[in-house]
Each structure stands twice: as structure tokens, then as C-alpha cells.
Amino acid sequence: MSGTPAISLSGLTKRYGPVVGVQDLSLEVTAGEVFGFLGPNGAGKTTTLRCLTGLLRPTSGQVQVLGMDPSADHRRLTPELGYLPGELRLYPELTGAQTLELLSSLHGIPTPRRARLCERLGLTDRALARPVGGYSRGMKQQLGLVQALQHDPRLLILDEPTEGLDPLVQETFFELLAEASSSGRTVLLSSHVLPEVQRACGRVAVVRNGRLVAVESVAALREARARRIRLVFGDGRGVRGLGEADQWSPQWRGDRVELLVPPSEVVVALRGLLDLPVADVTVEESGLDEAFLDLYRNGPGAPP
């Protein structure tokens, strides 16, 4: 694995007149990793991706992609990138095959993986012979994935890549991500489907209001968040006191109760709770979705 980061941002700022798209964004993505890029709508994700691909010029700051400047070195960098935009626009009168051929000609390099990718992602010869204007949303997304991967790029930048895909094609997509990473390719995955990011990515960056909130491993984000303790009582207890455990804001549903307890206090909580007439108990780690919401609501620069 190369010592040069696949992506390096230093103080990236992009303004649209008085409107700030991203502000002072700095992060590095290591070659060979699958890196998640998270944030609510309007957080600055798409602006950042467009700066990485050279579609936008930063207002200030530095952007390095595979050791190149996306704007100054655009012609040299483009063949090394596979980009799937969040809003994929295609020429409706072209067939799927013509679309792939047109897009590959823009890269100016061979596309050794095209046929196999079409097969794996479920695009048949019959489908590829049809005009794209008649494609379903899922088929357009499949075509978009093929065009991003067909030239075997060193870096994949994917914006909401599973949008519209059926579950079987989604499974194939995750296999392709794993294969790309194992062969030394780098993937930047921007998605609002947090379980997918949790499954695929080792690290994530979270942005909010154009600013970086956190860069952390998925495991660390989950580990730092509260544990969910669920209890079922066998005595018709209903909403009744839990003693010291009431400090964790129990949520009751009949004889069932749920608490969110900090990791360091789980053992203490269970010691007190299991003195009660409990019929069943489960303890779960928080998911990435809960960690993300916690960062969005309570992290630095959160809305008042």
C-alpha cells in the first residue's frame, strides 16, 4: 500500500457567492480503504465529491487525489477515477451499450471488466440493446456502476450507489467493493443508508453544515455510544420504578422496558436490574445510525 494518501484535503472551502458549501474541510483517505462519507442533505457531501473529481474548483484550500490536483491535472487523473454521481443523468436515446462505449471513450483507456460486470450486475445483452430512456431506476443505477468500474480505476467515488438496486444486486455491489479494496483500490462511499456504510466501511467522516464533525473508525464510533438494554418482566410490572436505573430514562411498553446506558455503566446497571423479577434481558451495541444521530445532534457546532 502506497504511503501517499489516495485523497488528501487541507482546508477545503467552496462558496457559492454568500452560500458556503464546505468550510475548512481537512481529511485523508488511505490507499486501499473503503471510506464512508456521511452527512444529512445539504451538509456539503456532493460539493466535496465534485471538488475531488475536478468538476468544481475550490474557493480555497488544497485537494490532492492520487497525488494530483483534480483541476490542474484533470486530464491525467480522469482515467484513474471511477465516479458515480448521486444524480445520474444519461442520454435517453442511447442504448445501454452505446452509453458505456461513449463514457469509456472519454476515459480513453480499455475497459477489460465491462462484459463481466454487466453479467454480475444483471445487465443482459437484451437490456444493453435497449434505449436508456426506457430503463427503470435500478437498471440506470446498474449501468452507472458498470461505467464507474469498467476501466478498473484506482479510486472509486460513489454517491448513493445502492439507490434503486434490488437486494440481490446490492449483494453483488458489496462483493465488488470488497474485491476492489483487496486489490488495493480505494473507495469513497457517500451514502445516507447507514447500515450499508457500517457493513462496508472501516472508517467514516461525518460532515454537518459544511464542516467536518468527526473522522473515526466505525468500530470506535459504535463502541463509544450507549448500549441498549431491553428487559421483559414476568410479574405484570408495567410502568414501575427501576430504582437507580431510572436515571437512564426508561421507555416502557407494557411489561417491556428499554434503556440507553453508557458503556462504562452497563455492568452496574445490570447488577441492579437483575435483582428485579426479569424474565428476559438483552444488551446490544449501538449501530452507526445512533452514533451518527448523536454526532449530528450533540457534536461540535450542533444546531442550538
Protein backbone atom coordinates (compact mmCIF):
# COMPACT_ATOMS: atom_id res chain seq x y z
CA MET A 1 0.00 0.00 0.00
CA SER A 2 1.40 3.36 -1.05
CA GLY A 3 2.45 5.86 1.57
CA THR A 4 0.75 8.66 -0.39
CA PRO A 5 -2.89 9.11 0.64
CA ALA A 6 -5.42 8.35 -2.06
CA ILE A 7 -7.27 11.53 -1.03
CA SER A 8 -5.89 14.47 0.91
CA LEU A 9 -7.96 17.58 1.73
CA SER A 10 -6.45 20.52 3.56
CA GLY A 11 -8.69 23.44 4.44
CA LEU A 12 -11.06 22.76 1.53
CA THR A 13 -13.58 25.59 1.23
CA LYS A 14 -16.14 26.06 -1.52
CA ARG A 15 -18.52 29.01 -1.59
CA TYR A 16 -21.36 29.74 -3.98
CA GLY A 17 -21.47 33.51 -3.60
CA PRO A 18 -22.57 34.11 0.00
CA VAL A 19 -23.54 30.45 0.48
CA VAL A 20 -20.92 28.11 1.98
CA GLY A 21 -20.89 24.62 0.51
CA VAL A 22 -17.98 23.31 2.60
CA GLN A 23 -15.77 25.17 5.05
CA ASP A 24 -12.19 24.33 6.07
CA LEU A 25 -12.51 20.60 5.44
CA SER A 26 -9.36 18.55 6.13
CA LEU A 27 -9.06 14.75 5.99
CA GLU A 28 -7.04 11.92 4.46
CA VAL A 29 -8.19 8.65 2.93
CA THR A 30 -5.58 5.88 2.86
CA ALA A 31 -4.97 3.93 -0.33
CA GLY A 32 -6.87 0.63 -0.28
CA GLU A 33 -9.55 1.51 2.26
CA VAL A 34 -13.32 1.75 1.89
CA PHE A 35 -14.10 5.09 3.48
CA GLY A 36 -17.58 6.35 4.33
CA PHE A 37 -18.65 9.97 3.86
CA LEU A 38 -21.75 10.80 5.87
CA GLY A 39 -23.98 13.76 6.49
CA PRO A 40 -27.59 14.92 6.15
CA ASN A 41 -28.88 16.53 2.97
CA GLY A 42 -27.20 19.89 2.41
CA ALA A 43 -24.19 19.02 4.59
CA GLY A 44 -21.68 19.51 1.76
CA LYS A 45 -21.10 15.90 0.65
CA THR A 46 -21.85 16.39 -3.05
CA THR A 47 -19.86 19.63 -3.18
CA THR A 48 -16.85 17.79 -1.73
CA LEU A 49 -17.15 14.93 -4.22
CA ARG A 50 -17.34 17.36 -7.13
CA CYS A 51 -14.17 19.08 -5.91
CA LEU A 52 -12.46 15.68 -5.73
CA THR A 53 -13.38 14.84 -9.32
CA GLY A 54 -12.44 18.25 -10.71
CA LEU A 55 -16.00 19.20 -11.57
CA LEU A 56 -15.74 22.14 -9.15
CA ARG A 57 -12.78 24.35 -8.28
CA PRO A 58 -12.32 25.03 -4.56
CA THR A 59 -12.61 28.60 -3.37
CA SER A 60 -9.60 27.95 -1.15
CA GLY A 61 -7.64 25.10 0.36
CA GLN A 62 -5.81 22.18 -1.24
CA VAL A 63 -7.15 18.99 -2.82
CA GLN A 64 -4.91 16.07 -3.79
CA VAL A 65 -6.35 12.93 -5.38
CA LEU A 66 -3.90 10.11 -6.14
CA GLY A 67 -1.17 12.70 -5.75
CA MET A 68 -2.72 15.02 -8.36
CA ASP A 69 -4.67 18.26 -8.38
CA PRO A 70 -8.17 17.41 -9.72
CA SER A 71 -8.42 20.73 -11.58
CA ALA A 72 -4.88 21.25 -12.89
CA ASP A 73 -4.31 17.54 -13.62
CA HIS A 74 -7.85 16.70 -14.70
CA ARG A 75 -6.92 15.02 -17.99
CA ARG A 76 -4.29 12.83 -16.30
CA LEU A 77 -6.45 11.99 -13.27
CA THR A 78 -9.73 11.14 -15.01
CA PRO A 79 -8.68 7.67 -16.28
CA GLU A 80 -7.76 6.73 -12.70
CA LEU A 81 -11.19 7.62 -11.31
CA GLY A 82 -14.49 5.78 -11.30
CA TYR A 83 -17.28 8.20 -10.42
CA LEU A 84 -20.95 7.53 -9.84
CA PRO A 85 -22.82 10.78 -9.18
CA GLY A 86 -25.81 10.90 -6.88
CA GLU A 87 -28.00 12.24 -9.68
CA LEU A 88 -27.08 10.09 -12.66
CA ARG A 89 -28.11 11.75 -15.94
CA LEU A 90 -27.88 9.71 -19.13
CA TYR A 91 -28.76 10.33 -22.77
CA PRO A 92 -32.19 8.66 -23.09
CA GLU A 93 -31.88 7.97 -26.83
CA LEU A 94 -28.65 5.96 -26.47
CA THR A 95 -28.73 2.26 -25.69
CA GLY A 96 -27.02 0.88 -22.62
CA ALA A 97 -24.16 -0.45 -24.75
CA GLN A 98 -23.75 2.89 -26.56
CA THR A 99 -23.72 4.70 -23.21
CA LEU A 100 -20.94 2.52 -21.85
CA GLU A 101 -18.94 2.93 -25.06
CA LEU A 102 -19.35 6.72 -25.01
CA LEU A 103 -18.27 7.03 -21.39
CA SER A 104 -15.30 4.71 -21.88
CA SER A 105 -14.15 6.81 -24.85
CA LEU A 106 -13.99 9.83 -22.55
CA HIS A 107 -11.50 7.95 -20.34
CA GLY A 108 -9.51 6.94 -23.41
CA ILE A 109 -8.39 3.61 -21.95
CA PRO A 110 -9.51 -0.03 -22.35
CA THR A 111 -12.47 -1.41 -20.41
CA PRO A 112 -11.45 -5.00 -19.64
CA ARG A 113 -14.11 -5.56 -16.99
CA ARG A 114 -17.22 -4.39 -18.87
CA ALA A 115 -18.67 -7.72 -20.02
CA ARG A 116 -18.12 -9.45 -16.68
CA LEU A 117 -19.53 -6.51 -14.71
CA CYS A 118 -22.66 -6.42 -16.85
CA GLU A 119 -23.11 -10.14 -16.24
CA ARG A 120 -22.63 -9.86 -12.48
CA LEU A 121 -24.87 -6.81 -12.11
CA GLY A 122 -27.66 -8.31 -14.18
CA LEU A 123 -27.46 -6.24 -17.38
CA THR A 124 -28.19 -8.70 -20.19
CA ASP A 125 -27.32 -8.21 -23.86
CA ARG A 126 -31.02 -7.62 -24.49
CA ALA A 127 -31.14 -4.88 -21.84
CA LEU A 128 -27.98 -3.25 -23.17
CA ALA A 129 -29.53 -3.10 -26.66
CA ARG A 130 -32.47 -1.01 -25.37
CA PRO A 131 -32.53 2.81 -25.15
CA VAL A 132 -31.65 4.03 -21.66
CA GLY A 133 -34.78 6.20 -21.61
CA GLY A 134 -36.81 3.01 -21.09
CA TYR A 135 -34.71 1.77 -18.18
CA SER A 136 -36.03 1.53 -14.64
CA ARG A 137 -34.25 3.46 -11.93
CA GLY A 138 -32.48 0.32 -10.78
CA MET A 139 -31.26 -0.52 -14.29
CA LYS A 140 -29.86 3.00 -14.71
CA GLN A 141 -28.01 2.58 -11.43
CA GLN A 142 -26.62 -0.77 -12.58
CA LEU A 143 -25.39 0.90 -15.76
CA GLY A 144 -23.87 3.69 -13.68
CA LEU A 145 -21.94 1.17 -11.59
CA VAL A 146 -20.63 -0.59 -14.69
CA GLN A 147 -19.37 2.68 -16.18
CA ALA A 148 -17.63 3.55 -12.90
CA LEU A 149 -15.89 0.18 -12.67
CA GLN A 150 -15.37 -0.95 -16.25
CA HIS A 151 -11.92 0.62 -16.70
CA ASP A 152 -10.61 -0.79 -13.39
CA PRO A 153 -9.87 2.59 -11.76
CA ARG A 154 -7.55 3.09 -8.80
CA LEU A 155 -10.12 5.22 -6.95
CA LEU A 156 -13.90 4.83 -6.83
CA ILE A 157 -16.02 7.80 -5.75
CA LEU A 158 -19.59 6.62 -5.29
CA ASP A 159 -22.52 8.85 -4.31
CA GLU A 160 -25.56 6.88 -3.06
CA PRO A 161 -24.54 3.83 -5.14
CA THR A 162 -27.28 1.39 -4.00
CA GLU A 163 -30.17 3.75 -4.76
CA GLY A 164 -32.84 1.74 -6.59
CA LEU A 165 -30.94 -1.56 -6.58
CA ASP A 166 -32.78 -4.75 -5.65
CA PRO A 167 -31.38 -6.81 -2.74
CA LEU A 168 -29.57 -9.35 -4.94
CA VAL A 169 -27.79 -6.66 -6.94
CA GLN A 170 -26.91 -4.90 -3.68
CA GLU A 171 -25.17 -8.07 -2.51
CA THR A 172 -23.15 -8.14 -5.72
CA PHE A 173 -22.26 -4.48 -5.22
CA PHE A 174 -20.82 -5.19 -1.77
CA GLU A 175 -18.82 -8.09 -3.19
CA LEU A 176 -17.37 -5.70 -5.78
CA LEU A 177 -16.42 -3.23 -3.05
CA ALA A 178 -14.61 -5.92 -1.09
CA GLU A 179 -12.78 -7.09 -4.21
CA ALA A 180 -11.75 -3.53 -5.07
CA SER A 181 -10.31 -2.97 -1.60
CA SER A 182 -8.49 -6.31 -1.50
CA SER A 183 -6.81 -5.48 -4.83
CA GLY A 184 -5.53 -2.15 -3.46
CA ARG A 185 -8.22 0.09 -4.94
CA THR A 186 -9.68 2.87 -2.80
CA VAL A 187 -13.39 3.54 -2.36
CA LEU A 188 -15.03 6.72 -1.11
CA LEU A 189 -18.64 5.84 -0.36
CA SER A 190 -21.16 8.59 0.29
CA SER A 191 -24.49 7.26 1.47
CA HIS A 192 -27.41 8.01 3.76
CA VAL A 193 -28.08 4.25 4.23
CA LEU A 194 -26.11 3.87 7.44
CA PRO A 195 -26.31 0.07 7.82
CA GLU A 196 -24.68 -0.21 4.40
CA VAL A 197 -21.87 2.12 5.41
CA GLN A 198 -21.44 0.17 8.65
CA ARG A 199 -21.15 -3.04 6.66
CA ALA A 200 -18.71 -1.81 4.02
CA CYS A 201 -16.51 0.86 5.58
CA GLY A 202 -13.67 0.74 8.07
CA ARG A 203 -13.64 4.49 8.74
CA VAL A 204 -16.09 7.32 8.20
CA ALA A 205 -16.12 11.10 8.10
CA VAL A 206 -19.22 12.94 9.27
CA VAL A 207 -19.99 16.42 7.94
CA ARG A 208 -22.66 18.85 9.04
CA ASN A 209 -23.42 22.32 7.73
CA GLY A 210 -20.33 22.14 5.52
CA ARG A 211 -17.93 21.37 8.38
CA LEU A 212 -16.22 18.22 9.50
CA VAL A 213 -17.71 16.80 12.70
CA ALA A 214 -15.68 13.62 13.11
CA VAL A 215 -13.30 11.19 11.38
CA GLU A 216 -13.33 7.87 13.16
CA SER A 217 -13.44 4.12 12.68
CA VAL A 218 -16.90 2.62 12.57
CA ALA A 219 -15.96 0.33 15.47
CA ALA A 220 -14.85 3.25 17.64
CA LEU A 221 -17.97 5.27 16.89
CA ARG A 222 -20.16 2.36 17.92
CA GLU A 223 -18.05 1.47 20.97
CA ALA A 224 -18.26 4.99 22.39
CA ARG A 225 -22.06 5.14 22.22
CA ALA A 226 -24.58 3.90 24.75
CA ARG A 227 -25.63 0.27 24.99
CA ARG A 228 -29.28 -0.58 24.53
CA ILE A 229 -30.61 -2.75 27.40
CA ARG A 230 -34.00 -4.39 26.88
CA LEU A 231 -35.83 -6.10 29.72
CA VAL A 232 -39.00 -8.18 29.85
CA PHE A 233 -40.68 -8.58 33.24
CA GLY A 234 -42.65 -11.64 34.23
CA ASP A 235 -44.76 -10.12 37.00
CA GLY A 236 -47.11 -7.81 35.06
CA ARG A 237 -44.97 -4.93 36.28
CA GLY A 238 -45.88 -2.31 33.63
CA VAL A 239 -44.57 1.19 34.26
CA ARG A 240 -42.95 0.98 37.68
CA GLY A 241 -39.76 2.20 39.23
CA LEU A 242 -36.44 0.59 38.40
CA GLY A 243 -34.54 2.07 41.30
CA GLU A 244 -31.21 3.60 40.32
CA ALA A 245 -31.79 2.55 36.69
CA ASP A 246 -34.48 5.21 36.39
CA GLN A 247 -31.64 7.68 35.74
CA TRP A 248 -31.31 6.22 32.21
CA SER A 249 -34.78 7.38 31.10
CA PRO A 250 -36.53 4.01 30.70
CA GLN A 251 -39.01 3.69 27.85
CA TRP A 252 -41.87 1.36 28.77
CA ARG A 253 -44.14 -0.71 26.53
CA GLY A 254 -46.35 -2.86 28.68
CA ASP A 255 -44.07 -5.22 30.60
CA ARG A 256 -41.08 -4.35 28.39
CA VAL A 257 -38.61 -1.57 29.02
CA GLU A 258 -35.65 -0.17 27.11
CA LEU A 259 -32.74 1.91 28.45
CA LEU A 260 -29.69 3.50 26.84
CA VAL A 261 -26.77 3.10 29.22
CA PRO A 262 -23.18 4.43 28.83
CA PRO A 263 -20.68 1.60 28.19
CA SER A 264 -18.83 2.19 31.47
CA GLU A 265 -22.05 1.77 33.49
CA VAL A 266 -23.58 -1.32 31.86
CA VAL A 267 -22.27 -3.77 34.49
CA VAL A 268 -23.51 -1.58 37.37
CA ALA A 269 -26.89 -1.20 35.68
CA LEU A 270 -27.30 -4.92 35.14
CA ARG A 271 -26.40 -5.76 38.75
CA GLY A 272 -29.28 -3.63 39.96
CA LEU A 273 -31.74 -4.62 37.25
CA LEU A 274 -31.24 -8.36 37.62
CA ASP A 275 -32.34 -8.15 41.25
CA LEU A 276 -35.80 -7.42 39.84
CA PRO A 277 -38.19 -10.13 38.52
CA VAL A 278 -36.76 -10.09 35.00
CA ALA A 279 -37.90 -12.80 32.56
CA ASP A 280 -35.53 -11.84 29.73
CA VAL A 281 -32.73 -9.36 29.09
CA THR A 282 -30.71 -8.34 26.01
CA VAL A 283 -27.79 -5.92 25.67
CA GLU A 284 -27.00 -4.51 22.24
CA GLU A 285 -24.27 -2.27 20.87
CA SER A 286 -25.41 0.94 19.25
CA GLY A 287 -25.45 0.94 15.47
CA LEU A 288 -23.78 3.50 13.26
CA ASP A 289 -27.15 5.20 12.79
CA GLU A 290 -27.34 6.01 16.51
CA ALA A 291 -23.73 7.20 16.59
CA PHE A 292 -24.39 9.41 13.57
CA LEU A 293 -27.51 10.93 15.14
CA ASP A 294 -25.63 11.53 18.37
CA LEU A 295 -22.87 13.36 16.50
CA TYR A 296 -25.35 15.36 14.47
CA ARG A 297 -27.37 16.44 17.49
CA ASN A 298 -24.66 16.84 20.11
CA GLY A 299 -21.31 17.16 18.36
CA PRO A 300 -19.29 20.35 17.89
CA GLY A 301 -21.23 23.03 16.14
CA ALA A 302 -24.58 21.32 16.59
CA PRO A 303 -27.66 23.44 15.95
CA PRO A 304 -28.90 25.15 19.12
